[in-house]
Amino acid sequence: MRRATAALGAVLALVGLHGTASAMNGMAGMSGMGATTINVYSGQPGMGGMSGMSGMSGMGGMSGMGGMSGMSGMSGMGGMAGMSGMAAQAIPRQKVVYHINGDDARLQSLALGNMQNHINAIGKDNIDLKVVLHGDGVALLLYPDALAKTKMKAANATEETQSKIAGLKQLGVQFQVCATTLKSRNVDAKDLYDFDQKDLVPSGVAQLGILQSQGFAYVKP
């Protein structure tokens, strides 16, 4: 009788231990530690390992992926918000004067290209751009067939140049011409491309000083 009782007690103890292992198996699976704990207590490393892995992939995996997704989402949204903030930031309106006093046709063409690139970069509504021409620089607007009757050395207002100037004027660029140069170089205003009396200034160099005193940035291409 005592032996039977002892045997029964051993069986119950074993069952209790197995139950404890199962409970720990469940907890380990949820905590992501099942692969180690279950192998020690359950006596079923195959099932225990699967249970542990299931717990890890179920709770842990979802939690891990969720955490990553959360962080990724925050990072992504933060990045977008940052870029949006930069895009929304207003560009201060610029005031710029380009100075042209040379008659090299290639350099004058490059200067016109600089102006176009400048406007493209910040937008035509964000810039007040003026061009001051004096001395040899007046050649930019002088018709080639009028060169002979002047004291100028070049006349570069070809059809290609006229097209570039017209495009810049449509964007608000104003070309200002030195009256002193026209007089000293015997240039008739009617021989200048798209010239208007409002574009005439008494002195090119004086106009540069005036514009800079008004806050215009000076650019010499």
Protein backbone atom coordinates (compact mmCIF):
# COMPACT_ATOMS: atom_id res chain seq x y z
CA MET A 1 0.00 0.00 0.00
CA ARG A 2 2.79 2.41 0.86
CA ARG A 3 4.56 1.55 -2.38
CA ALA A 4 1.40 2.24 -4.40
CA THR A 5 0.95 5.54 -2.63
CA ALA A 6 4.56 6.52 -3.28
CA ALA A 7 4.23 5.57 -6.94
CA LEU A 8 1.03 7.57 -7.26
CA GLY A 9 2.74 10.54 -5.63
CA ALA A 10 5.62 10.32 -8.07
CA VAL A 11 3.20 10.26 -11.01
CA LEU A 12 1.32 13.30 -9.67
CA ALA A 13 4.59 15.12 -9.11
CA LEU A 14 5.64 14.36 -12.68
CA VAL A 15 2.31 15.59 -14.00
CA GLY A 16 2.66 18.73 -11.91
CA LEU A 17 6.15 19.30 -13.28
CA HIS A 18 4.90 18.79 -16.85
CA GLY A 19 2.08 21.26 -16.17
CA THR A 20 4.56 23.77 -14.85
CA ALA A 21 6.69 23.29 -17.94
CA SER A 22 3.64 23.87 -20.16
CA ALA A 23 2.83 27.04 -18.31
CA MET A 24 6.41 28.20 -18.65
CA ASN A 25 6.27 27.19 -22.31
CA GLY A 26 3.34 29.52 -22.89
CA MET A 27 4.98 32.37 -21.00
CA ALA A 28 8.27 31.80 -22.75
CA GLY A 29 6.58 31.82 -26.14
CA MET A 30 5.01 35.17 -25.39
CA SER A 31 8.21 36.63 -24.05
CA GLY A 32 10.34 35.40 -26.93
CA MET A 33 12.45 33.12 -24.63
CA GLY A 34 10.60 29.86 -25.39
CA ALA A 35 13.31 28.25 -27.46
CA THR A 36 15.61 28.02 -24.40
CA THR A 37 13.21 27.50 -21.47
CA ILE A 38 11.01 24.85 -23.08
CA ASN A 39 13.94 22.69 -24.13
CA VAL A 40 14.97 22.40 -20.47
CA TYR A 41 11.60 21.52 -18.90
CA SER A 42 9.20 20.03 -21.40
CA GLY A 43 11.18 17.04 -22.54
CA GLN A 44 9.79 17.71 -26.04
CA PRO A 45 12.42 19.89 -27.67
CA GLY A 46 10.76 19.63 -31.07
CA MET A 47 7.37 20.83 -29.87
CA GLY A 48 8.87 23.22 -27.40
CA GLY A 49 11.09 24.77 -30.04
CA MET A 50 8.12 25.18 -32.37
CA SER A 51 6.05 26.68 -29.58
CA GLY A 52 8.84 29.05 -28.70
CA MET A 53 9.33 30.03 -32.32
CA SER A 54 5.60 30.50 -32.69
CA GLY A 55 5.53 32.79 -29.72
CA MET A 56 8.45 34.75 -31.05
CA SER A 57 7.03 35.05 -34.55
CA GLY A 58 3.54 35.73 -33.25
CA MET A 59 4.01 38.23 -30.48
CA GLY A 60 7.67 39.12 -30.80
CA GLY A 61 7.68 39.23 -34.60
CA MET A 62 4.61 41.38 -34.75
CA SER A 63 5.95 43.60 -32.03
CA GLY A 64 9.33 43.87 -33.74
CA MET A 65 7.86 44.56 -37.13
CA GLY A 66 5.35 46.92 -35.61
CA GLY A 67 8.12 48.78 -33.84
CA MET A 68 10.12 48.99 -37.00
CA SER A 69 7.08 50.04 -39.00
CA GLY A 70 6.28 52.64 -36.41
CA MET A 71 9.76 54.03 -36.45
CA SER A 72 9.91 53.87 -40.23
CA GLY A 73 6.58 55.61 -40.49
CA MET A 74 7.70 58.31 -38.11
CA SER A 75 10.97 58.68 -39.92
CA GLY A 76 9.27 58.79 -43.29
CA MET A 77 6.69 61.27 -42.17
CA GLY A 78 9.35 63.33 -40.45
CA GLY A 79 11.43 63.41 -43.60
CA MET A 80 8.41 64.40 -45.66
CA ALA A 81 7.48 67.05 -43.16
CA GLY A 82 11.02 68.41 -43.26
CA MET A 83 11.03 68.59 -47.04
CA SER A 84 7.58 70.09 -47.05
CA GLY A 85 8.77 72.72 -44.61
CA MET A 86 11.71 73.59 -46.84
CA ALA A 87 9.50 73.76 -49.91
CA ALA A 88 7.01 75.94 -48.10
CA GLN A 89 9.71 78.34 -46.87
CA ALA A 90 9.44 81.61 -48.76
CA ILE A 91 12.44 82.66 -50.85
CA PRO A 92 13.41 86.28 -50.07
CA ARG A 93 12.92 88.54 -53.08
CA GLN A 94 16.25 89.43 -54.65
CA LYS A 95 17.32 92.69 -56.26
CA VAL A 96 20.18 92.18 -58.70
CA VAL A 97 21.97 94.31 -61.30
CA TYR A 98 24.06 92.70 -64.04
CA HIS A 99 26.85 94.89 -65.41
CA ILE A 100 27.86 94.54 -69.08
CA ASN A 101 30.54 96.79 -70.56
CA GLY A 102 32.32 94.46 -72.99
CA ASP A 103 31.44 93.71 -76.63
CA ASP A 104 32.56 90.07 -76.92
CA ALA A 105 29.52 88.34 -78.43
CA ARG A 106 30.27 84.98 -76.74
CA LEU A 107 30.62 86.53 -73.29
CA GLN A 108 27.48 88.57 -73.77
CA SER A 109 25.59 85.41 -74.72
CA LEU A 110 26.91 83.68 -71.60
CA ALA A 111 25.75 86.64 -69.51
CA LEU A 112 22.24 86.32 -70.91
CA GLY A 113 22.35 82.62 -70.08
CA ASN A 114 23.42 83.44 -66.50
CA MET A 115 20.40 85.70 -66.13
CA GLN A 116 18.06 83.01 -67.40
CA ASN A 117 19.55 80.43 -65.04
CA HIS A 118 19.28 82.88 -62.15
CA ILE A 119 15.58 83.41 -62.78
CA ASN A 120 14.95 79.69 -63.29
CA ALA A 121 16.55 78.92 -59.93
CA ILE A 122 14.43 81.20 -57.75
CA GLY A 123 11.41 82.08 -59.89
CA LYS A 124 10.56 85.25 -61.77
CA ASP A 125 8.35 86.48 -58.93
CA ASN A 126 11.29 86.38 -56.52
CA ILE A 127 13.67 88.68 -58.35
CA ASP A 128 13.97 92.24 -59.63
CA LEU A 129 16.72 91.97 -62.25
CA LYS A 130 18.20 94.90 -64.15
CA VAL A 131 21.00 95.01 -66.73
CA VAL A 132 23.13 98.13 -67.10
CA LEU A 133 24.88 98.57 -70.46
CA HIS A 134 27.55 101.19 -71.08
CA GLY A 135 30.67 101.60 -73.20
CA ASP A 136 31.31 98.57 -75.43
CA GLY A 137 28.46 96.75 -73.67
CA VAL A 138 25.90 98.68 -75.74
CA ALA A 139 26.91 96.39 -78.62
CA LEU A 140 24.50 93.83 -77.11
CA LEU A 141 21.54 95.85 -78.40
CA LEU A 142 23.05 97.37 -81.55
CA TYR A 143 21.76 96.04 -84.88
CA PRO A 144 24.63 94.68 -87.03
CA ASP A 145 23.60 96.73 -90.07
CA ALA A 146 23.93 99.95 -88.04
CA LEU A 147 27.53 99.37 -86.95
CA ALA A 148 29.17 101.29 -89.80
CA LYS A 149 27.67 104.66 -88.85
CA THR A 150 28.72 104.45 -85.21
CA LYS A 151 31.97 104.52 -83.27
CA MET A 152 31.25 101.09 -81.83
CA LYS A 153 33.57 98.15 -82.57
CA ALA A 154 30.85 95.47 -82.59
CA ALA A 155 27.11 95.07 -83.04
CA ASN A 156 25.69 91.83 -81.60
CA ALA A 157 21.89 92.15 -81.78
CA THR A 158 21.48 89.16 -84.07
CA GLU A 159 18.18 87.26 -84.33
CA GLU A 160 19.42 84.71 -81.79
CA THR A 161 20.43 87.40 -79.31
CA GLN A 162 17.17 89.26 -79.84
CA SER A 163 15.25 86.10 -79.00
CA LYS A 164 17.13 85.67 -75.72
CA ILE A 165 16.62 89.31 -74.76
CA ALA A 166 12.91 89.13 -75.58
CA GLY A 167 12.54 86.06 -73.39
CA LEU A 168 14.24 87.79 -70.47
CA LYS A 169 12.10 90.90 -70.85
CA GLN A 170 8.99 88.75 -70.67
CA LEU A 171 10.27 87.58 -67.28
CA GLY A 172 10.58 91.18 -66.08
CA VAL A 173 14.24 91.91 -66.82
CA GLN A 174 14.95 95.58 -67.62
CA PHE A 175 17.87 96.62 -69.83
CA GLN A 176 19.17 100.11 -69.02
CA VAL A 177 21.38 101.98 -71.49
CA CYS A 178 23.93 104.71 -70.79
CA ALA A 179 23.06 108.01 -72.50
CA THR A 180 26.66 109.17 -72.29
CA THR A 181 27.77 106.15 -74.34
CA LEU A 182 25.14 106.73 -77.04
CA LYS A 183 26.30 110.32 -77.45
CA SER A 184 30.03 109.65 -77.41
CA ARG A 185 29.78 106.60 -79.69
CA ASN A 186 27.38 108.25 -82.14
CA VAL A 187 24.69 105.61 -81.59
CA ASP A 188 21.12 106.45 -82.58
CA ALA A 189 18.59 105.00 -80.14
CA LYS A 190 16.48 103.71 -83.04
CA ASP A 191 19.36 101.39 -83.97
CA LEU A 192 19.04 99.53 -80.67
CA TYR A 193 16.87 96.42 -80.40
CA ASP A 194 13.59 96.95 -78.54
CA PHE A 195 14.78 100.19 -76.99
CA ASP A 196 12.45 102.50 -75.06
CA GLN A 197 13.26 105.96 -73.74
CA LYS A 198 12.40 104.79 -70.23
CA ASP A 199 15.42 102.47 -70.45
CA LEU A 200 17.82 105.39 -70.90
CA VAL A 201 19.90 106.45 -67.88
CA PRO A 202 22.24 109.49 -67.76
CA SER A 203 25.33 107.45 -66.89
CA GLY A 204 25.88 103.69 -66.75
CA VAL A 205 28.44 103.78 -63.94
CA ALA A 206 26.35 106.25 -61.96
CA GLN A 207 23.32 103.99 -62.38
CA LEU A 208 25.29 101.05 -60.99
CA GLY A 209 26.07 103.10 -57.89
CA ILE A 210 22.47 104.17 -57.50
CA LEU A 211 21.12 100.64 -57.75
CA GLN A 212 23.65 99.28 -55.28
CA SER A 213 22.72 102.02 -52.81
CA GLN A 214 19.13 100.82 -53.19
CA GLY A 215 20.10 97.30 -52.17
CA PHE A 216 20.75 95.72 -55.56
CA ALA A 217 23.42 93.03 -55.55
CA TYR A 218 26.12 93.59 -58.17
CA VAL A 219 26.94 90.84 -60.67
CA LYS A 220 29.63 91.08 -63.33
CA PRO A 221 29.41 87.99 -65.61
